[in-house]
Amino acid sequence: MKGRIKKLNKQKGYGFIRADNGQEIFFHKAELAAGIVFNALETGEELMFFIEEGKKGKKATTIIKT
């Protein structure tokens, strides 16, 4: 799935992605593919990712920059 970064909390290491289908998906920096630096990400950047069901709802996994 594709989407763009909607919001980042760089101090806590997480953010939210607005998927192309309109869903808002949580992500944690631990789910970033190797070589992607969390603190270098910016709001609006396009990402590709998978969605899994987490304890608190849907979350993005295996995140890569496009």
PDB file of N, CA and C in Angstrom:
ATOM      1  N   MET A   1       0.848  -1.165   0.000  1.00  0.00           N
ATOM      2  CA  MET A   1       0.000   0.000   0.000  1.00  0.00           C
ATOM      3  C   MET A   1       0.902   1.239   0.000  1.00  0.00           C
ATOM      4  N   LYS A   2       0.394   2.339  -0.547  1.00  0.00           N
ATOM      5  CA  LYS A   2       1.136   3.596  -0.551  1.00  0.00           C
ATOM      6  C   LYS A   2       0.416   4.638   0.287  1.00  0.00           C
ATOM      7  N   GLY A   3       1.190   5.605   0.766  1.00  0.00           N
ATOM      8  CA  GLY A   3       0.623   6.710   1.515  1.00  0.00           C
ATOM      9  C   GLY A   3       1.669   7.759   1.787  1.00  0.00           C
ATOM     10  N   ARG A   4       1.264   8.812   2.474  1.00  0.00           N
ATOM     11  CA  ARG A   4       2.179   9.910   2.815  1.00  0.00           C
ATOM     12  C   ARG A   4       2.167  10.129   4.329  1.00  0.00           C
ATOM     13  N   ILE A   5       3.302  10.557   4.849  1.00  0.00           N
ATOM     14  CA  ILE A   5       3.408  10.833   6.278  1.00  0.00           C
ATOM     15  C   ILE A   5       2.503  12.017   6.614  1.00  0.00           C
ATOM     16  N   LYS A   6       1.621  11.796   7.561  1.00  0.00           N
ATOM     17  CA  LYS A   6       0.702  12.848   7.997  1.00  0.00           C
ATOM     18  C   LYS A   6       1.260  13.589   9.208  1.00  0.00           C
ATOM     19  N   LYS A   7       1.825  12.818  10.151  1.00  0.00           N
ATOM     20  CA  LYS A   7       2.279  13.406  11.407  1.00  0.00           C
ATOM     21  C   LYS A   7       3.430  12.577  11.957  1.00  0.00           C
ATOM     22  N   LEU A   8       4.419  13.257  12.555  1.00  0.00           N
ATOM     23  CA  LEU A   8       5.558  12.575  13.180  1.00  0.00           C
ATOM     24  C   LEU A   8       5.741  13.070  14.605  1.00  0.00           C
ATOM     25  N   ASN A   9       6.092  12.167  15.507  1.00  0.00           N
ATOM     26  CA  ASN A   9       6.532  12.531  16.842  1.00  0.00           C
ATOM     27  C   ASN A   9       7.960  12.019  16.952  1.00  0.00           C
ATOM     28  N   LYS A  10       8.913  12.863  16.592  1.00  0.00           N
ATOM     29  CA  LYS A  10      10.315  12.437  16.525  1.00  0.00           C
ATOM     30  C   LYS A  10      10.888  12.109  17.902  1.00  0.00           C
ATOM     31  N   GLN A  11      10.387  12.744  18.950  1.00  0.00           N
ATOM     32  CA  GLN A  11      10.873  12.450  20.298  1.00  0.00           C
ATOM     33  C   GLN A  11      10.489  11.047  20.757  1.00  0.00           C
ATOM     34  N   LYS A  12       9.304  10.592  20.371  1.00  0.00           N
ATOM     35  CA  LYS A  12       8.825   9.284  20.819  1.00  0.00           C
ATOM     36  C   LYS A  12       8.998   8.184  19.776  1.00  0.00           C
ATOM     37  N   GLY A  13       9.378   8.545  18.536  1.00  0.00           N
ATOM     38  CA  GLY A  13       9.693   7.542  17.525  1.00  0.00           C
ATOM     39  C   GLY A  13       8.507   6.915  16.813  1.00  0.00           C
ATOM     40  N   TYR A  14       7.425   7.672  16.646  1.00  0.00           N
ATOM     41  CA  TYR A  14       6.281   7.130  15.912  1.00  0.00           C
ATOM     42  C   TYR A  14       5.626   8.219  15.071  1.00  0.00           C
ATOM     43  N   GLY A  15       4.687   7.799  14.253  1.00  0.00           N
ATOM     44  CA  GLY A  15       3.965   8.750  13.427  1.00  0.00           C
ATOM     45  C   GLY A  15       2.721   8.119  12.841  1.00  0.00           C
ATOM     46  N   PHE A  16       2.090   8.844  11.921  1.00  0.00           N
ATOM     47  CA  PHE A  16       0.890   8.377  11.252  1.00  0.00           C
ATOM     48  C   PHE A  16       1.023   8.610   9.755  1.00  0.00           C
ATOM     49  N   ILE A  17       0.538   7.650   8.996  1.00  0.00           N
ATOM     50  CA  ILE A  17       0.556   7.714   7.543  1.00  0.00           C
ATOM     51  C   ILE A  17      -0.886   7.840   7.061  1.00  0.00           C
ATOM     52  N   ARG A  18      -1.119   8.740   6.103  1.00  0.00           N
ATOM     53  CA  ARG A  18      -2.421   8.819   5.432  1.00  0.00           C
ATOM     54  C   ARG A  18      -2.306   7.965   4.178  1.00  0.00           C
ATOM     55  N   ALA A  19      -2.934   6.791   4.205  1.00  0.00           N
ATOM     56  CA  ALA A  19      -2.878   5.861   3.073  1.00  0.00           C
ATOM     57  C   ALA A  19      -3.651   6.440   1.891  1.00  0.00           C
ATOM     58  N   ASP A  20      -3.304   5.985   0.696  1.00  0.00           N
ATOM     59  CA  ASP A  20      -3.980   6.455  -0.518  1.00  0.00           C
ATOM     60  C   ASP A  20      -5.489   6.203  -0.488  1.00  0.00           C
ATOM     61  N   ASN A  21      -5.922   5.206   0.281  1.00  0.00           N
ATOM     62  CA  ASN A  21      -7.363   4.920   0.384  1.00  0.00           C
ATOM     63  C   ASN A  21      -8.049   5.744   1.478  1.00  0.00           C
ATOM     64  N   GLY A  22      -7.305   6.659   2.117  1.00  0.00           N
ATOM     65  CA  GLY A  22      -7.873   7.549   3.126  1.00  0.00           C
ATOM     66  C   GLY A  22      -7.693   7.103   4.564  1.00  0.00           C
ATOM     67  N   GLN A  23      -7.278   5.858   4.778  1.00  0.00           N
ATOM     68  CA  GLN A  23      -7.066   5.371   6.149  1.00  0.00           C
ATOM     69  C   GLN A  23      -5.881   6.082   6.796  1.00  0.00           C
ATOM     70  N   GLU A  24      -5.963   6.291   8.094  1.00  0.00           N
ATOM     71  CA  GLU A  24      -4.852   6.810   8.866  1.00  0.00           C
ATOM     72  C   GLU A  24      -4.237   5.640   9.624  1.00  0.00           C
ATOM     73  N   ILE A  25      -2.952   5.371   9.384  1.00  0.00           N
ATOM     74  CA  ILE A  25      -2.286   4.194   9.918  1.00  0.00           C
ATOM     75  C   ILE A  25      -1.121   4.611  10.818  1.00  0.00           C
ATOM     76  N   PHE A  26      -1.055   4.030  12.017  1.00  0.00           N
ATOM     77  CA  PHE A  26       0.044   4.250  12.952  1.00  0.00           C
ATOM     78  C   PHE A  26       1.299   3.544  12.458  1.00  0.00           C
ATOM     79  N   PHE A  27       2.480   4.134  12.710  1.00  0.00           N
ATOM     80  CA  PHE A  27       3.727   3.408  12.485  1.00  0.00           C
ATOM     81  C   PHE A  27       4.756   3.765  13.551  1.00  0.00           C
ATOM     82  N   HIS A  28       5.643   2.808  13.813  1.00  0.00           N
ATOM     83  CA  HIS A  28       6.738   2.994  14.766  1.00  0.00           C
ATOM     84  C   HIS A  28       8.052   2.900  14.007  1.00  0.00           C
ATOM     85  N   LYS A  29       9.050   3.620  14.462  1.00  0.00           N
ATOM     86  CA  LYS A  29      10.333   3.653  13.753  1.00  0.00           C
ATOM     87  C   LYS A  29      10.972   2.270  13.622  1.00  0.00           C
ATOM     88  N   ALA A  30      10.618   1.329  14.475  1.00  0.00           N
ATOM     89  CA  ALA A  30      11.173  -0.028  14.398  1.00  0.00           C
ATOM     90  C   ALA A  30      10.720  -0.752  13.130  1.00  0.00           C
ATOM     91  N   GLU A  31       9.665  -0.275  12.484  1.00  0.00           N
ATOM     92  CA  GLU A  31       9.135  -0.912  11.278  1.00  0.00           C
ATOM     93  C   GLU A  31       9.748  -0.370   9.987  1.00  0.00           C
ATOM     94  N   LEU A  32      10.673   0.578  10.090  1.00  0.00           N
ATOM     95  CA  LEU A  32      11.322   1.139   8.905  1.00  0.00           C
ATOM     96  C   LEU A  32      12.332   0.146   8.331  1.00  0.00           C
ATOM     97  N   ALA A  33      12.390   0.065   7.014  1.00  0.00           N
ATOM     98  CA  ALA A  33      13.361  -0.804   6.343  1.00  0.00           C
ATOM     99  C   ALA A  33      14.775  -0.302   6.651  1.00  0.00           C
ATOM    100  N   ALA A  34      15.731  -1.201   6.534  1.00  0.00           N
ATOM    101  CA  ALA A  34      17.134  -0.863   6.791  1.00  0.00           C
ATOM    102  C   ALA A  34      17.551   0.319   5.920  1.00  0.00           C
ATOM    103  N   GLY A  35      18.295   1.229   6.508  1.00  0.00           N
ATOM    104  CA  GLY A  35      18.811   2.372   5.770  1.00  0.00           C
ATOM    105  C   GLY A  35      17.956   3.622   5.861  1.00  0.00           C
ATOM    106  N   ILE A  36      16.729   3.507   6.377  1.00  0.00           N
ATOM    107  CA  ILE A  36      15.875   4.685   6.529  1.00  0.00           C
ATOM    108  C   ILE A  36      16.068   5.243   7.940  1.00  0.00           C
ATOM    109  N   VAL A  37      16.437   6.511   8.020  1.00  0.00           N
ATOM    110  CA  VAL A  37      16.666   7.167   9.307  1.00  0.00           C
ATOM    111  C   VAL A  37      15.386   7.896   9.712  1.00  0.00           C
ATOM    112  N   PHE A  38      14.806   7.491  10.826  1.00  0.00           N
ATOM    113  CA  PHE A  38      13.528   8.057  11.268  1.00  0.00           C
ATOM    114  C   PHE A  38      13.591   9.574  11.383  1.00  0.00           C
ATOM    115  N   ASN A  39      14.642  10.089  12.018  1.00  0.00           N
ATOM    116  CA  ASN A  39      14.726  11.533  12.242  1.00  0.00           C
ATOM    117  C   ASN A  39      14.916  12.326  10.960  1.00  0.00           C
ATOM    118  N   ALA A  40      15.231  11.659   9.849  1.00  0.00           N
ATOM    119  CA  ALA A  40      15.373  12.344   8.561  1.00  0.00           C
ATOM    120  C   ALA A  40      14.042  12.393   7.796  1.00  0.00           C
ATOM    121  N   LEU A  41      13.027  11.681   8.260  1.00  0.00           N
ATOM    122  CA  LEU A  41      11.718  11.697   7.594  1.00  0.00           C
ATOM    123  C   LEU A  41      11.030  13.036   7.816  1.00  0.00           C
ATOM    124  N   GLU A  42      10.205  13.426   6.840  1.00  0.00           N
ATOM    125  CA  GLU A  42       9.463  14.677   6.926  1.00  0.00           C
ATOM    126  C   GLU A  42       7.997  14.442   6.575  1.00  0.00           C
ATOM    127  N   THR A  43       7.134  15.269   7.115  1.00  0.00           N
ATOM    128  CA  THR A  43       5.715  15.224   6.793  1.00  0.00           C
ATOM    129  C   THR A  43       5.537  15.374   5.289  1.00  0.00           C
ATOM    130  N   GLY A  44       4.669  14.561   4.712  1.00  0.00           N
ATOM    131  CA  GLY A  44       4.380  14.633   3.288  1.00  0.00           C
ATOM    132  C   GLY A  44       5.164  13.655   2.433  1.00  0.00           C
ATOM    133  N   GLU A  45       6.208  13.018   2.987  1.00  0.00           N
ATOM    134  CA  GLU A  45       6.986  12.050   2.203  1.00  0.00           C
ATOM    135  C   GLU A  45       6.147  10.819   1.890  1.00  0.00           C
ATOM    136  N   GLU A  46       6.348  10.282   0.683  1.00  0.00           N
ATOM    137  CA  GLU A  46       5.598   9.103   0.251  1.00  0.00           C
ATOM    138  C   GLU A  46       6.303   7.825   0.711  1.00  0.00           C
ATOM    139  N   LEU A  47       5.497   6.881   1.201  1.00  0.00           N
ATOM    140  CA  LEU A  47       6.006   5.610   1.697  1.00  0.00           C
ATOM    141  C   LEU A  47       5.202   4.458   1.108  1.00  0.00           C
ATOM    142  N   MET A  48       5.823   3.287   1.077  1.00  0.00           N
ATOM    143  CA  MET A  48       5.124   2.038   0.772  1.00  0.00           C
ATOM    144  C   MET A  48       5.210   1.179   2.028  1.00  0.00           C
ATOM    145  N   PHE A  49       4.160   0.397   2.295  1.00  0.00           N
ATOM    146  CA  PHE A  49       4.110  -0.363   3.541  1.00  0.00           C
ATOM    147  C   PHE A  49       3.051  -1.453   3.459  1.00  0.00           C
ATOM    148  N   PHE A  50       3.101  -2.347   4.419  1.00  0.00           N
ATOM    149  CA  PHE A  50       2.072  -3.357   4.617  1.00  0.00           C
ATOM    150  C   PHE A  50       1.293  -2.971   5.861  1.00  0.00           C
ATOM    151  N   ILE A  51       0.083  -3.505   6.003  1.00  0.00           N
ATOM    152  CA  ILE A  51      -0.730  -3.235   7.189  1.00  0.00           C
ATOM    153  C   ILE A  51      -0.959  -4.536   7.939  1.00  0.00           C
ATOM    154  N   GLU A  52      -0.762  -4.477   9.264  1.00  0.00           N
ATOM    155  CA  GLU A  52      -1.044  -5.602  10.150  1.00  0.00           C
ATOM    156  C   GLU A  52      -1.948  -5.120  11.272  1.00  0.00           C
ATOM    157  N   GLU A  53      -2.657  -6.057  11.866  1.00  0.00           N
ATOM    158  CA  GLU A  53      -3.493  -5.746  13.020  1.00  0.00           C
ATOM    159  C   GLU A  53      -2.623  -5.820  14.270  1.00  0.00           C
ATOM    160  N   GLY A  54      -2.544  -4.726  15.012  1.00  0.00           N
ATOM    161  CA  GLY A  54      -1.775  -4.684  16.257  1.00  0.00           C
ATOM    162  C   GLY A  54      -2.703  -4.743  17.452  1.00  0.00           C
ATOM    163  N   LYS A  55      -2.138  -4.608  18.645  1.00  0.00           N
ATOM    164  CA  LYS A  55      -2.928  -4.659  19.873  1.00  0.00           C
ATOM    165  C   LYS A  55      -3.937  -3.519  19.961  1.00  0.00           C
ATOM    166  N   LYS A  56      -3.572  -2.364  19.383  1.00  0.00           N
ATOM    167  CA  LYS A  56      -4.437  -1.190  19.468  1.00  0.00           C
ATOM    168  C   LYS A  56      -5.063  -0.816  18.130  1.00  0.00           C
ATOM    169  N   GLY A  57      -5.005  -1.705  17.157  1.00  0.00           N
ATOM    170  CA  GLY A  57      -5.574  -1.421  15.844  1.00  0.00           C
ATOM    171  C   GLY A  57      -4.561  -1.645  14.753  1.00  0.00           C
ATOM    172  N   LYS A  58      -4.829  -1.101  13.588  1.00  0.00           N
ATOM    173  CA  LYS A  58      -3.955  -1.325  12.443  1.00  0.00           C
ATOM    174  C   LYS A  58      -2.659  -0.552  12.556  1.00  0.00           C
ATOM    175  N   LYS A  59      -1.571  -1.160  12.050  1.00  0.00           N
ATOM    176  CA  LYS A  59      -0.266  -0.499  12.064  1.00  0.00           C
ATOM    177  C   LYS A  59       0.473  -0.822  10.771  1.00  0.00           C
ATOM    178  N   ALA A  60       1.342   0.095  10.360  1.00  0.00           N
ATOM    179  CA  ALA A  60       2.153  -0.089   9.166  1.00  0.00           C
ATOM    180  C   ALA A  60       3.408  -0.896   9.508  1.00  0.00           C
ATOM    181  N   THR A  61       3.786  -1.804   8.607  1.00  0.00           N
ATOM    182  CA  THR A  61       5.003  -2.604   8.782  1.00  0.00           C
ATOM    183  C   THR A  61       5.800  -2.596   7.478  1.00  0.00           C
ATOM    184  N   THR A  62       7.053  -2.995   7.568  1.00  0.00           N
ATOM    185  CA  THR A  62       7.947  -3.101   6.406  1.00  0.00           C
ATOM    186  C   THR A  62       7.854  -1.820   5.561  1.00  0.00           C
ATOM    187  N   ILE A  63       8.172  -0.701   6.173  1.00  0.00           N
ATOM    188  CA  ILE A  63       8.004   0.607   5.551  1.00  0.00           C
ATOM    189  C   ILE A  63       9.245   0.992   4.726  1.00  0.00           C
ATOM    190  N   ILE A  64       9.012   1.394   3.480  1.00  0.00           N
ATOM    191  CA  ILE A  64      10.105   1.867   2.618  1.00  0.00           C
ATOM    192  C   ILE A  64       9.710   3.204   1.986  1.00  0.00           C
ATOM    193  N   LYS A  65      10.719   4.020   1.656  1.00  0.00           N
ATOM    194  CA  LYS A  65      10.467   5.282   0.960  1.00  0.00           C
ATOM    195  C   LYS A  65      10.358   5.012  -0.536  1.00  0.00           C
ATOM    196  N   THR A  66       9.496   5.785  -1.206  1.00  0.00           N
ATOM    197  CA  THR A  66       9.365   5.633  -2.659  1.00  0.00           C
ATOM    198  C   THR A  66       9.947   6.823  -3.379  1.00  0.00           C
TER     199      THR A  66
END
